[in-house]
N, C-alpha and C. Protein backbone atom coordinates (compact mmCIF):
# COMPACT_ATOMS: atom_id res chain seq x y z
N MET A 1 24.75 -68.53 -19.64
CA MET A 1 25.75 -68.14 -18.13
C MET A 1 27.16 -68.95 -17.50
N ASN A 2 27.95 -68.67 -17.19
CA ASN A 2 28.83 -69.42 -17.40
C ASN A 2 29.27 -70.19 -15.62
N ALA A 3 29.09 -71.26 -15.63
CA ALA A 3 28.95 -72.25 -14.42
C ALA A 3 29.06 -71.86 -13.26
N GLU A 4 29.99 -71.11 -12.93
CA GLU A 4 30.93 -70.27 -11.52
C GLU A 4 30.01 -69.03 -11.45
N ARG A 5 29.60 -68.28 -12.66
CA ARG A 5 28.95 -66.94 -12.14
C ARG A 5 28.96 -66.66 -11.13
N GLY A 6 27.72 -67.43 -10.20
CA GLY A 6 27.12 -67.76 -9.05
C GLY A 6 28.24 -66.85 -7.78
N THR A 7 29.07 -67.54 -7.81
CA THR A 7 30.46 -67.31 -6.83
C THR A 7 31.13 -66.24 -7.12
N ARG A 8 31.17 -65.29 -8.53
CA ARG A 8 32.14 -64.06 -9.36
C ARG A 8 31.65 -62.89 -9.31
N THR A 9 30.24 -62.31 -8.95
CA THR A 9 29.64 -61.32 -8.90
C THR A 9 29.28 -60.67 -7.62
N GLY A 10 29.77 -59.81 -7.31
CA GLY A 10 29.09 -59.25 -6.01
C GLY A 10 27.77 -58.45 -6.47
N LEU A 11 26.85 -58.25 -5.48
CA LEU A 11 25.43 -57.75 -5.41
C LEU A 11 25.09 -56.75 -3.99
N ALA A 12 25.22 -55.48 -4.68
CA ALA A 12 25.44 -54.81 -2.93
C ALA A 12 23.69 -53.62 -3.11
N ILE A 13 23.29 -54.26 -1.70
CA ILE A 13 22.39 -53.77 -1.91
C ILE A 13 22.10 -52.16 -1.05
N LEU A 14 21.92 -51.22 -1.13
CA LEU A 14 21.54 -49.95 -0.38
C LEU A 14 19.91 -49.72 0.18
N ALA A 15 19.94 -49.76 1.36
CA ALA A 15 18.31 -49.81 1.60
C ALA A 15 18.47 -48.66 2.97
N LYS A 16 17.35 -48.01 3.64
CA LYS A 16 17.38 -47.80 4.73
C LYS A 16 16.20 -48.30 5.87
N ALA A 17 16.23 -48.55 6.70
CA ALA A 17 15.78 -49.31 7.68
C ALA A 17 14.29 -48.60 7.64
N PRO A 18 13.22 -49.23 7.37
CA PRO A 18 11.37 -49.33 7.39
C PRO A 18 11.57 -48.46 8.88
N VAL A 19 12.34 -47.51 8.87
CA VAL A 19 11.45 -46.74 10.21
C VAL A 19 10.61 -45.39 9.60
N PRO A 20 8.90 -45.29 10.41
CA PRO A 20 8.77 -44.11 10.00
C PRO A 20 8.97 -42.64 10.72
N GLY A 21 8.91 -42.03 9.33
CA GLY A 21 9.91 -40.83 9.48
C GLY A 21 10.75 -40.66 8.69
N LEU A 22 12.06 -41.90 8.53
CA LEU A 22 12.81 -42.15 7.63
C LEU A 22 13.09 -43.04 6.13
N ALA A 23 12.18 -43.53 6.26
CA ALA A 23 11.57 -44.30 4.95
C ALA A 23 10.99 -43.84 4.01
N LYS A 24 11.08 -43.53 3.26
CA LYS A 24 10.63 -43.52 1.85
C LYS A 24 10.13 -41.39 2.15
N THR A 25 10.61 -40.73 2.20
CA THR A 25 10.00 -39.45 2.94
C THR A 25 9.14 -38.90 2.13
N ARG A 26 9.46 -39.06 0.57
CA ARG A 26 8.40 -38.26 -0.59
C ARG A 26 7.14 -38.74 -0.39
N LEU A 27 7.11 -39.95 0.34
CA LEU A 27 5.67 -40.82 -0.14
C LEU A 27 4.89 -40.64 1.30
N ILE A 28 5.76 -39.96 2.28
CA ILE A 28 4.99 -39.39 3.62
C ILE A 28 3.27 -38.92 3.36
N PRO A 29 3.84 -37.90 2.79
CA PRO A 29 2.52 -36.77 2.39
C PRO A 29 1.03 -37.87 1.63
N HIS A 30 1.61 -38.74 1.35
CA HIS A 30 0.61 -39.59 0.29
C HIS A 30 0.21 -40.96 1.33
N LEU A 31 1.38 -41.87 1.95
CA LEU A 31 0.97 -42.76 2.45
C LEU A 31 0.75 -42.66 4.37
N GLY A 32 1.28 -41.48 4.75
CA GLY A 32 1.59 -41.11 6.25
C GLY A 32 2.85 -41.68 6.45
N ALA A 33 3.56 -41.84 7.34
CA ALA A 33 4.92 -42.27 8.05
C ALA A 33 4.53 -43.74 8.41
N ASP A 34 3.74 -44.28 8.73
CA ASP A 34 4.04 -45.64 8.95
C ASP A 34 3.75 -46.39 7.59
N GLY A 35 2.92 -45.85 6.66
CA GLY A 35 2.31 -46.35 5.23
C GLY A 35 3.62 -46.45 4.28
N ALA A 36 4.58 -45.18 4.46
CA ALA A 36 5.89 -44.96 3.71
C ALA A 36 6.64 -46.40 4.43
N ALA A 37 6.74 -46.27 5.65
CA ALA A 37 7.65 -47.27 6.14
C ALA A 37 7.22 -49.10 5.66
N ALA A 38 5.95 -49.45 5.50
CA ALA A 38 5.55 -50.21 5.42
C ALA A 38 5.71 -50.45 4.01
N LEU A 39 5.40 -49.82 2.95
CA LEU A 39 6.24 -49.76 1.67
C LEU A 39 7.48 -49.77 1.60
N GLN A 40 8.33 -49.76 2.59
CA GLN A 40 9.83 -49.98 2.10
C GLN A 40 10.25 -51.53 2.82
N VAL A 41 9.27 -51.60 3.25
CA VAL A 41 10.06 -53.16 3.83
C VAL A 41 9.51 -53.83 2.58
N TRP A 42 8.24 -53.79 1.64
CA TRP A 42 7.42 -54.91 0.78
C TRP A 42 8.76 -54.35 -0.27
N LEU A 43 9.45 -53.11 -0.18
CA LEU A 43 10.50 -52.97 -1.78
C LEU A 43 11.54 -53.60 -1.29
N LEU A 44 12.22 -53.76 -0.10
CA LEU A 44 13.27 -54.48 0.22
C LEU A 44 13.18 -55.65 0.40
N ARG A 45 11.53 -56.49 0.97
CA ARG A 45 11.61 -57.78 0.68
C ARG A 45 11.99 -58.46 -0.91
N ARG A 46 11.57 -57.70 -1.84
CA ARG A 46 11.21 -57.83 -3.25
C ARG A 46 12.32 -57.83 -3.71
N THR A 47 13.12 -56.49 -3.79
CA THR A 47 14.64 -56.62 -3.76
C THR A 47 15.43 -57.62 -3.55
N LEU A 48 15.75 -58.26 -2.05
CA LEU A 48 15.99 -59.43 -1.81
C LEU A 48 16.28 -60.04 -2.46
N ALA A 49 14.16 -60.95 -2.62
CA ALA A 49 14.31 -61.95 -3.08
C ALA A 49 14.74 -62.04 -4.67
N ILE A 50 14.52 -60.99 -5.58
CA ILE A 50 15.03 -60.74 -6.76
C ILE A 50 16.96 -60.70 -6.86
N ALA A 51 17.40 -60.39 -5.85
CA ALA A 51 18.79 -60.45 -5.98
C ALA A 51 18.87 -61.75 -6.00
N LEU A 52 18.92 -62.62 -4.45
CA LEU A 52 19.06 -63.95 -4.08
C LEU A 52 18.81 -65.09 -5.66
N ALA A 53 17.09 -64.38 -6.19
CA ALA A 53 17.30 -65.52 -7.71
C ALA A 53 18.11 -65.32 -8.63
N ALA A 54 18.48 -63.99 -8.67
CA ALA A 54 19.54 -64.21 -9.94
C ALA A 54 20.59 -65.07 -9.53
N ASP A 55 21.09 -65.28 -8.41
CA ASP A 55 21.95 -66.03 -8.11
C ASP A 55 23.88 -65.60 -8.63
N VAL A 56 23.64 -64.47 -8.84
CA VAL A 56 25.33 -64.16 -9.52
C VAL A 56 26.84 -63.93 -8.47
N GLY A 57 26.08 -63.96 -7.26
CA GLY A 57 26.97 -64.01 -6.25
C GLY A 57 26.53 -63.43 -4.83
N PRO A 58 27.62 -63.34 -3.94
CA PRO A 58 27.35 -62.73 -2.78
C PRO A 58 26.64 -61.31 -2.51
N VAL A 59 25.81 -61.76 -1.97
CA VAL A 59 24.76 -60.36 -1.88
C VAL A 59 25.06 -59.89 -0.45
N THR A 60 25.54 -58.53 -0.71
CA THR A 60 25.54 -57.78 0.96
C THR A 60 24.32 -56.81 1.09
N LEU A 61 23.63 -56.29 2.24
CA LEU A 61 22.94 -55.35 2.76
C LEU A 61 23.34 -54.55 3.20
N TRP A 62 23.69 -53.16 2.46
CA TRP A 62 24.35 -52.18 2.52
C TRP A 62 22.96 -51.25 3.83
N CYS A 63 23.26 -51.01 4.80
CA CYS A 63 21.59 -50.75 5.89
C CYS A 63 22.22 -49.75 6.57
N ALA A 64 21.09 -48.49 6.10
CA ALA A 64 21.37 -46.80 7.03
C ALA A 64 19.91 -46.78 8.01
N PRO A 65 20.12 -46.51 9.05
CA PRO A 65 21.54 -45.46 9.98
C PRO A 65 22.43 -46.95 10.33
N ASP A 66 21.85 -48.45 10.26
CA ASP A 66 22.78 -49.22 11.03
C ASP A 66 21.99 -50.18 10.77
N VAL A 67 22.91 -51.46 11.31
CA VAL A 67 22.48 -53.04 10.68
C VAL A 67 21.23 -53.37 11.94
N ASP A 68 20.84 -52.48 13.17
CA ASP A 68 19.92 -53.34 14.30
C ASP A 68 18.81 -53.50 13.58
N HIS A 69 18.22 -52.89 12.62
CA HIS A 69 16.61 -53.37 12.19
C HIS A 69 16.29 -54.64 12.62
N PRO A 70 15.23 -54.80 13.32
CA PRO A 70 14.24 -55.88 12.63
C PRO A 70 14.32 -56.94 11.36
N GLU A 71 13.84 -55.55 10.76
CA GLU A 71 13.37 -56.39 9.53
C GLU A 71 15.32 -56.26 8.30
N PHE A 72 16.15 -56.14 8.94
CA PHE A 72 17.03 -56.16 8.27
C PHE A 72 18.06 -57.54 8.94
N SER A 73 17.59 -57.90 10.18
CA SER A 73 18.27 -59.28 10.84
C SER A 73 17.05 -60.03 9.82
N ALA A 74 15.62 -59.70 9.76
CA ALA A 74 15.31 -61.01 9.37
C ALA A 74 15.19 -61.35 7.79
N CYS A 75 16.34 -60.18 7.27
CA CYS A 75 16.69 -60.22 6.02
C CYS A 75 17.81 -61.67 5.55
N CYS A 76 18.60 -61.64 6.70
CA CYS A 76 19.73 -62.74 6.68
C CYS A 76 18.88 -64.47 6.63
N GLY A 77 17.63 -64.59 7.46
CA GLY A 77 16.81 -65.50 7.34
C GLY A 77 16.23 -65.73 5.95
N ARG A 78 16.60 -64.98 5.03
CA ARG A 78 15.99 -65.18 3.43
C ARG A 78 17.25 -65.61 3.10
N GLY A 79 18.13 -65.51 3.11
CA GLY A 79 19.20 -66.55 2.15
C GLY A 79 20.48 -66.21 2.44
N GLN A 80 21.79 -66.38 2.14
CA GLN A 80 23.06 -65.60 2.07
C GLN A 80 23.00 -64.47 1.65
N VAL A 81 22.94 -63.72 2.87
CA VAL A 81 23.10 -62.43 2.69
C VAL A 81 24.14 -61.67 3.94
N VAL A 82 24.69 -60.59 3.46
CA VAL A 82 25.81 -60.11 4.90
C VAL A 82 24.92 -58.90 4.85
N LEU A 83 25.57 -58.11 6.21
CA LEU A 83 24.62 -56.81 6.57
C LEU A 83 26.51 -56.49 7.24
N ARG A 84 26.05 -54.55 6.34
CA ARG A 84 27.06 -53.74 6.67
C ARG A 84 26.34 -53.03 6.67
N ARG A 85 26.81 -51.53 7.79
CA ARG A 85 26.70 -50.38 7.79
C ARG A 85 26.76 -49.40 6.82
N GLN A 86 26.18 -48.64 6.09
CA GLN A 86 26.56 -47.88 5.13
C GLN A 86 27.50 -46.87 5.44
N ALA A 87 28.28 -46.04 4.69
CA ALA A 87 29.33 -45.47 4.59
C ALA A 87 28.80 -44.10 4.94
N ASN A 88 29.49 -43.16 5.57
CA ASN A 88 28.90 -41.75 6.18
C ASN A 88 28.91 -41.13 4.64
N GLY A 89 28.25 -39.71 4.34
CA GLY A 89 28.56 -39.40 3.28
C GLY A 89 27.30 -39.32 1.92
N ASP A 90 27.67 -38.80 1.14
CA ASP A 90 26.49 -38.30 -0.05
C ASP A 90 26.12 -39.85 -0.12
N LEU A 91 25.51 -39.98 -1.45
CA LEU A 91 25.09 -41.26 -2.08
C LEU A 91 26.42 -41.60 -2.82
N GLY A 92 27.07 -40.45 -3.45
CA GLY A 92 28.16 -40.94 -4.23
C GLY A 92 29.18 -41.92 -3.52
N ALA A 93 29.35 -41.38 -1.94
CA ALA A 93 30.60 -41.75 -1.13
C ALA A 93 30.11 -43.37 -0.67
N ARG A 94 28.44 -43.68 -0.06
CA ARG A 94 28.37 -44.74 -0.12
C ARG A 94 28.16 -45.46 -1.10
N MET A 95 27.87 -44.98 -2.61
CA MET A 95 28.06 -46.08 -3.23
C MET A 95 29.54 -46.64 -3.41
N HIS A 96 30.22 -45.87 -3.55
CA HIS A 96 31.61 -46.10 -3.54
C HIS A 96 32.10 -47.06 -2.67
N ALA A 97 31.56 -46.99 -1.45
CA ALA A 97 32.15 -47.88 -0.03
C ALA A 97 31.31 -49.01 -0.58
N ALA A 98 30.09 -49.21 -0.90
CA ALA A 98 29.55 -50.69 -1.35
C ALA A 98 30.32 -51.28 -2.50
N VAL A 99 30.59 -50.43 -2.94
CA VAL A 99 31.78 -51.23 -4.25
C VAL A 99 32.69 -51.84 -3.67
N ALA A 100 33.94 -51.05 -3.18
CA ALA A 100 35.06 -51.37 -2.44
C ALA A 100 35.14 -52.13 -1.25
N GLY A 101 33.61 -52.35 -1.21
CA GLY A 101 33.51 -53.46 0.43
C GLY A 101 32.99 -54.24 0.04
N SER A 102 32.55 -54.78 -0.80
CA SER A 102 32.14 -55.58 -1.87
C SER A 102 32.38 -56.55 -2.93
N PRO A 103 34.38 -56.70 -2.30
CA PRO A 103 34.73 -57.49 -3.50
C PRO A 103 34.52 -58.75 -4.26
N ALA A 104 34.47 -58.83 -5.50
CA ALA A 104 34.37 -60.25 -6.04
C ALA A 104 34.94 -60.02 -7.52
N PRO A 105 35.36 -61.43 -7.92
CA PRO A 105 36.55 -61.74 -9.07
C PRO A 105 35.81 -60.89 -10.13
N ALA A 106 34.35 -60.55 -10.75
CA ALA A 106 33.82 -60.10 -11.43
C ALA A 106 33.74 -58.83 -11.68
N GLY A 107 33.47 -58.12 -10.33
CA GLY A 107 32.78 -57.00 -10.01
C GLY A 107 31.63 -57.10 -9.11
N VAL A 108 31.44 -55.98 -9.49
CA VAL A 108 29.88 -55.72 -8.23
C VAL A 108 28.81 -54.73 -8.91
N LEU A 109 27.88 -55.43 -8.64
CA LEU A 109 26.49 -54.25 -8.73
C LEU A 109 25.93 -53.80 -7.72
N VAL A 110 25.56 -52.39 -7.94
CA VAL A 110 24.68 -52.08 -7.08
C VAL A 110 23.56 -51.59 -6.97
N VAL A 111 22.31 -51.99 -6.14
CA VAL A 111 20.85 -51.29 -6.76
C VAL A 111 20.84 -50.58 -5.42
N GLY A 112 19.69 -50.24 -5.28
CA GLY A 112 18.64 -49.49 -4.38
C GLY A 112 17.84 -50.78 -3.93
N SER A 113 16.48 -50.23 -3.43
CA SER A 113 15.32 -50.82 -2.95
C SER A 113 14.38 -50.20 -3.59
N ASP A 114 15.09 -49.75 -4.41
CA ASP A 114 12.71 -48.39 -4.99
C ASP A 114 12.35 -49.18 -5.98
N CYS A 115 13.57 -49.95 -7.07
CA CYS A 115 12.97 -50.93 -8.30
C CYS A 115 12.40 -51.96 -8.38
N PRO A 116 10.81 -51.79 -8.49
CA PRO A 116 10.11 -52.69 -8.42
C PRO A 116 10.47 -53.86 -9.32
N VAL A 117 10.98 -53.05 -10.43
CA VAL A 117 10.35 -53.65 -11.88
C VAL A 117 11.65 -54.34 -11.88
N LEU A 118 12.69 -54.28 -11.06
CA LEU A 118 14.12 -55.27 -11.53
C LEU A 118 14.06 -57.03 -11.24
N THR A 119 14.41 -57.35 -12.57
CA THR A 119 14.48 -58.67 -12.60
C THR A 119 15.79 -59.27 -12.17
N PRO A 120 15.78 -60.66 -11.89
CA PRO A 120 17.13 -61.92 -11.58
C PRO A 120 17.74 -61.64 -13.16
N GLY A 121 16.72 -61.54 -13.85
CA GLY A 121 17.31 -61.86 -15.38
C GLY A 121 18.11 -60.72 -15.90
N LEU A 122 17.72 -59.17 -15.61
CA LEU A 122 18.40 -58.45 -15.74
C LEU A 122 19.76 -58.12 -14.81
N LEU A 123 19.76 -58.71 -13.43
CA LEU A 123 20.70 -58.60 -12.86
C LEU A 123 21.95 -59.47 -13.55
N ARG A 124 21.17 -60.37 -14.02
CA ARG A 124 22.50 -61.39 -14.59
C ARG A 124 22.76 -61.12 -15.81
N GLN A 125 22.03 -60.67 -16.68
CA GLN A 125 22.61 -59.90 -17.79
C GLN A 125 23.71 -58.80 -17.60
N ALA A 126 23.35 -57.71 -16.67
CA ALA A 126 24.37 -56.67 -16.31
C ALA A 126 25.81 -57.27 -15.27
N ALA A 127 25.42 -58.43 -15.04
CA ALA A 127 26.73 -59.60 -14.57
C ALA A 127 27.54 -59.77 -15.42
N VAL A 128 26.66 -60.75 -16.53
CA VAL A 128 27.43 -61.41 -17.71
C VAL A 128 28.30 -59.54 -18.24
N SER A 129 27.69 -58.37 -18.60
CA SER A 129 28.08 -57.55 -19.29
C SER A 129 29.51 -57.26 -18.74
N LEU A 130 29.77 -57.41 -17.17
CA LEU A 130 31.00 -56.61 -16.87
C LEU A 130 32.01 -57.84 -17.17
N ASP A 131 32.00 -59.04 -18.19
CA ASP A 131 32.94 -59.58 -18.47
C ASP A 131 33.62 -59.20 -19.46
N ARG A 132 33.25 -57.64 -20.37
CA ARG A 132 33.53 -57.13 -21.19
C ARG A 132 33.49 -55.83 -21.49
N ASN A 133 32.99 -55.12 -20.23
CA ASN A 133 32.64 -53.71 -20.06
C ASN A 133 33.32 -53.37 -18.65
N ASP A 134 33.86 -52.54 -18.71
CA ASP A 134 34.36 -51.91 -16.97
C ASP A 134 32.99 -51.29 -16.48
N ALA A 135 31.61 -51.65 -16.75
CA ALA A 135 30.54 -50.85 -15.99
C ALA A 135 29.84 -51.31 -17.06
N ALA A 136 28.28 -51.42 -15.67
CA ALA A 136 27.32 -51.64 -16.40
C ALA A 136 26.02 -50.39 -15.78
N VAL A 137 25.58 -50.27 -16.68
CA VAL A 137 24.07 -49.20 -15.76
C VAL A 137 23.02 -49.47 -16.00
N ILE A 138 21.82 -49.65 -15.57
CA ILE A 138 20.14 -49.26 -16.07
C ILE A 138 20.08 -47.88 -15.78
N PRO A 139 19.68 -46.99 -16.15
CA PRO A 139 19.23 -45.90 -15.75
C PRO A 139 17.73 -45.65 -15.51
N ALA A 140 17.32 -45.05 -15.19
CA ALA A 140 15.69 -44.83 -13.75
C ALA A 140 15.45 -43.79 -15.17
N GLU A 141 14.18 -43.47 -15.52
CA GLU A 141 13.35 -42.70 -16.35
C GLU A 141 13.56 -41.50 -16.14
N ASP A 142 13.60 -41.34 -14.60
CA ASP A 142 14.05 -40.12 -13.83
C ASP A 142 14.89 -39.14 -13.93
N GLY A 143 15.53 -39.99 -14.86
CA GLY A 143 17.10 -39.26 -15.20
C GLY A 143 18.53 -39.18 -14.42
N GLY A 144 18.23 -40.41 -13.57
CA GLY A 144 19.10 -41.42 -12.62
C GLY A 144 19.68 -42.54 -13.10
N TYR A 145 19.67 -43.62 -11.72
CA TYR A 145 19.95 -44.78 -12.43
C TYR A 145 19.46 -45.83 -11.11
N VAL A 146 19.43 -47.15 -11.70
CA VAL A 146 18.48 -48.34 -10.96
C VAL A 146 19.89 -49.01 -10.51
N LEU A 147 20.67 -49.18 -11.48
CA LEU A 147 21.79 -50.14 -11.07
C LEU A 147 22.84 -49.78 -11.32
N ILE A 148 23.78 -49.61 -10.65
CA ILE A 148 25.67 -49.80 -11.54
C ILE A 148 26.41 -50.25 -11.26
N GLY A 149 27.51 -50.99 -12.22
CA GLY A 149 27.95 -52.28 -12.07
C GLY A 149 29.14 -51.43 -12.35
N MET A 150 30.24 -52.39 -11.70
CA MET A 150 31.96 -51.69 -11.96
C MET A 150 32.44 -53.37 -11.57
N ARG A 151 33.65 -52.99 -12.54
CA ARG A 151 34.91 -54.15 -12.62
C ARG A 151 35.55 -54.13 -11.30
N HIS A 152 35.82 -52.45 -11.10
CA HIS A 152 36.27 -51.97 -10.22
C HIS A 152 36.14 -50.71 -9.56
N PRO A 153 36.23 -50.54 -8.23
CA PRO A 153 36.10 -49.00 -7.80
C PRO A 153 36.83 -48.32 -8.54
N SER A 154 35.75 -47.23 -8.20
CA SER A 154 36.47 -45.70 -9.03
C SER A 154 35.69 -44.34 -8.41
N ARG A 155 36.17 -43.97 -7.62
CA ARG A 155 35.53 -43.00 -6.76
C ARG A 155 35.36 -41.50 -7.92
N ARG A 156 35.91 -41.72 -8.59
CA ARG A 156 35.35 -40.30 -9.99
C ARG A 156 34.15 -40.34 -10.21
N VAL A 157 33.94 -42.03 -10.79
CA VAL A 157 32.65 -41.95 -11.54
C VAL A 157 31.51 -41.46 -10.05
N PHE A 158 31.48 -41.02 -9.09
CA PHE A 158 30.52 -40.73 -8.10
C PHE A 158 30.68 -39.41 -7.47
N THR A 159 32.17 -38.94 -8.48
CA THR A 159 32.12 -37.26 -7.74
C THR A 159 31.38 -36.23 -8.72
N ASP A 160 31.28 -35.16 -7.80
CA ASP A 160 30.39 -33.96 -8.91
C ASP A 160 29.08 -34.31 -9.79
N ILE A 161 28.24 -35.14 -8.87
CA ILE A 161 27.12 -35.58 -9.52
C ILE A 161 26.07 -34.76 -8.91
N ASP A 162 25.18 -34.23 -9.35
CA ASP A 162 23.67 -33.56 -8.35
C ASP A 162 23.02 -34.53 -7.79
N TRP A 163 23.14 -35.65 -6.98
CA TRP A 163 22.63 -36.69 -6.77
C TRP A 163 20.76 -36.24 -6.34
N GLY A 164 20.00 -37.00 -6.81
CA GLY A 164 18.40 -36.65 -6.90
C GLY A 164 17.82 -35.91 -7.91
N SER A 165 18.96 -35.25 -8.86
CA SER A 165 18.43 -34.27 -9.69
C SER A 165 18.14 -35.25 -11.35
N GLY A 166 17.60 -34.94 -12.05
CA GLY A 166 17.29 -35.34 -13.34
C GLY A 166 18.66 -35.46 -14.27
N LYS A 167 20.00 -34.73 -13.95
CA LYS A 167 21.36 -35.05 -14.15
C LYS A 167 21.92 -36.22 -13.92
N VAL A 168 21.96 -36.94 -12.83
CA VAL A 168 22.56 -37.89 -12.76
C VAL A 168 23.19 -38.59 -13.58
N MET A 169 21.86 -39.49 -14.59
CA MET A 169 22.92 -40.32 -15.68
C MET A 169 23.19 -39.71 -16.77
N ALA A 170 23.21 -38.39 -16.77
CA ALA A 170 24.18 -37.92 -17.66
C ALA A 170 25.66 -37.12 -17.24
N GLN A 171 25.73 -36.69 -16.46
CA GLN A 171 26.70 -36.61 -15.59
C GLN A 171 27.62 -37.82 -15.43
N THR A 172 26.97 -39.16 -15.33
CA THR A 172 27.69 -40.03 -14.85
C THR A 172 28.28 -40.82 -15.88
N ARG A 173 27.67 -40.55 -17.08
CA ARG A 173 28.63 -41.22 -18.61
C ARG A 173 29.42 -40.31 -19.24
N GLU A 174 29.71 -38.73 -18.83
CA GLU A 174 30.58 -37.88 -18.94
C GLU A 174 31.70 -38.66 -18.16
N ARG A 175 31.43 -38.99 -16.41
CA ARG A 175 32.51 -39.22 -15.73
C ARG A 175 32.86 -40.76 -15.76
N LEU A 176 32.37 -41.61 -16.65
CA LEU A 176 32.45 -42.76 -17.80
C LEU A 176 33.62 -42.35 -18.39
N SER A 177 33.15 -41.93 -19.05
CA SER A 177 33.99 -41.22 -20.54
C SER A 177 35.53 -40.84 -20.08
N GLU A 178 35.43 -39.33 -19.13
CA GLU A 178 36.23 -38.94 -18.92
C GLU A 178 37.80 -40.09 -17.70
N ILE A 179 37.32 -41.22 -17.58
CA ILE A 179 38.49 -42.27 -17.36
C ILE A 179 38.64 -43.23 -18.29
N GLY A 180 37.94 -43.07 -19.20
CA GLY A 180 38.08 -43.85 -20.46
C GLY A 180 37.72 -45.39 -20.33
N TRP A 181 36.38 -45.63 -19.42
CA TRP A 181 35.84 -46.76 -19.29
C TRP A 181 34.93 -47.24 -20.82
N ARG A 182 34.91 -48.39 -20.98
CA ARG A 182 33.93 -48.93 -21.71
C ARG A 182 32.80 -49.28 -20.58
N TRP A 183 31.27 -49.35 -20.75
CA TRP A 183 29.97 -49.13 -20.23
C TRP A 183 29.42 -50.08 -21.34
N SER A 184 28.49 -51.08 -20.57
CA SER A 184 27.05 -51.37 -20.78
C SER A 184 26.15 -50.34 -20.68
N GLU A 185 24.88 -50.07 -21.43
CA GLU A 185 23.41 -49.27 -20.57
C GLU A 185 21.88 -49.55 -20.97
N PHE A 186 21.61 -50.74 -20.22
CA PHE A 186 20.28 -51.06 -20.74
C PHE A 186 19.20 -50.13 -20.64
N ALA A 187 18.36 -50.50 -21.13
CA ALA A 187 16.75 -49.91 -21.43
C ALA A 187 16.64 -49.26 -19.69
N PRO A 188 15.80 -48.19 -19.84
CA PRO A 188 15.48 -47.58 -18.73
C PRO A 188 14.41 -47.98 -17.81
N LEU A 189 14.67 -48.31 -16.74
CA LEU A 189 13.45 -48.70 -15.81
C LEU A 189 12.87 -47.54 -14.68
N TRP A 190 11.78 -47.78 -14.01
CA TRP A 190 11.23 -46.67 -12.94
C TRP A 190 11.46 -47.09 -11.92
N ASP A 191 11.69 -46.30 -10.84
CA ASP A 191 11.93 -46.47 -9.26
C ASP A 191 10.43 -46.06 -8.86
N VAL A 192 10.05 -46.04 -7.24
CA VAL A 192 9.15 -45.38 -6.77
C VAL A 192 9.65 -44.57 -5.57
N ASP A 193 9.35 -43.38 -6.32
CA ASP A 193 9.82 -42.09 -4.91
C ASP A 193 8.91 -40.66 -4.89
N ARG A 194 7.65 -41.20 -6.23
CA ARG A 194 6.67 -40.28 -6.00
C ARG A 194 5.20 -40.76 -5.51
N GLU A 195 4.14 -39.89 -5.59
CA GLU A 195 2.97 -40.17 -6.06
C GLU A 195 2.32 -41.59 -6.68
N GLU A 196 2.37 -40.56 -8.04
CA GLU A 196 2.57 -41.20 -9.52
C GLU A 196 3.28 -42.56 -9.52
N ASP A 197 4.54 -42.50 -8.77
CA ASP A 197 5.25 -43.80 -8.79
C ASP A 197 4.36 -44.85 -8.30
N PHE A 198 4.01 -44.37 -7.29
CA PHE A 198 3.24 -45.42 -6.13
C PHE A 198 1.89 -46.04 -6.94
N ARG A 199 0.99 -45.27 -7.61
CA ARG A 199 -0.10 -45.62 -8.45
C ARG A 199 0.94 -46.72 -9.38
N ARG A 200 1.62 -46.52 -9.96
CA ARG A 200 2.03 -47.23 -11.09
C ARG A 200 2.08 -48.25 -10.13
N LEU A 201 2.86 -48.44 -9.59
CA LEU A 201 3.00 -49.50 -8.23
C LEU A 201 2.03 -50.38 -8.35
N SER A 202 1.27 -49.96 -7.31
CA SER A 202 -0.59 -50.36 -7.31
C SER A 202 -1.32 -50.89 -8.16
N ASP A 203 -0.79 -50.58 -9.38
CA ASP A 203 -1.73 -51.17 -10.62
C ASP A 203 -0.72 -52.47 -11.21
N LEU A 204 0.52 -52.38 -10.56
CA LEU A 204 1.40 -53.89 -11.48
C LEU A 204 1.25 -54.93 -10.29
N PHE A 205 1.23 -54.32 -8.95
CA PHE A 205 0.94 -55.42 -7.73
C PHE A 205 -0.30 -54.67 -6.87
N PRO A 206 -1.48 -55.48 -7.10
CA PRO A 206 -2.50 -55.11 -6.33
C PRO A 206 -2.41 -55.60 -4.51
N ASP A 207 -1.54 -56.17 -4.23
CA ASP A 207 -1.38 -56.45 -2.82
C ASP A 207 -0.71 -55.04 -2.46
N VAL A 208 -0.20 -53.94 -3.30
CA VAL A 208 0.56 -52.85 -2.41
C VAL A 208 -0.55 -51.25 -2.64
N HIS A 209 -0.86 -51.18 -1.50
CA HIS A 209 -1.77 -50.63 -0.84
C HIS A 209 -1.81 -49.58 -0.24
N PRO A 210 -2.46 -48.20 -0.13
CA PRO A 210 -2.01 -47.67 1.05
C PRO A 210 -2.98 -48.06 2.41
N PRO A 211 -2.15 -47.75 4.08
CA PRO A 211 -2.79 -48.28 4.54
C PRO A 211 -4.27 -47.82 4.91
N GLY A 212 -5.67 -48.55 5.26
CA GLY A 212 -6.83 -48.35 5.21
C GLY A 212 -7.89 -48.25 4.26
N ARG A 213 -6.98 -48.26 2.90
CA ARG A 213 -7.88 -48.68 1.53
C ARG A 213 -7.89 -49.72 1.35
């Protein structure tokens, strides 16, 4: 890795505040509102630790609905992290704003806080791939993606996408092709959205478990 890599690639994390009823809503029937919020805290802390360990460049935490939650403030105490409020609009608009608002010489990687198997090594590989590509993507097993990296912002990549569906990655490939971008694509990972995802998480990380169990 280039000796200056740690200052060249921005890393933007999109995260919801761990507020009961707001965080991990699809898991509330299984975990309860408080349990889902506690899971969001665990996922956020893990994602931030991975991002800081990767050391590819400046880390920005894009917060929703605002930056005022104490857990976001605590994130700043864990390393060099800048807090920003997420933009309004759909997921595409918010990711585009994160790319445009986190400029770095070699581009920006955007991740959510829902992928527990993301690693510092994968983040470094994605950052290095931007040396020779316009974009980098780590697909998700459910048809979306868990990371997208861009050398430069492009609103088109995030336009006309059926967010939350199994079509997201396929549609993103279409957008990248339409604008003539070259991209690198890594092996798919999984994120935590459904009860079966939580069971998978619990098998890998025994310290994560539903409240009361």
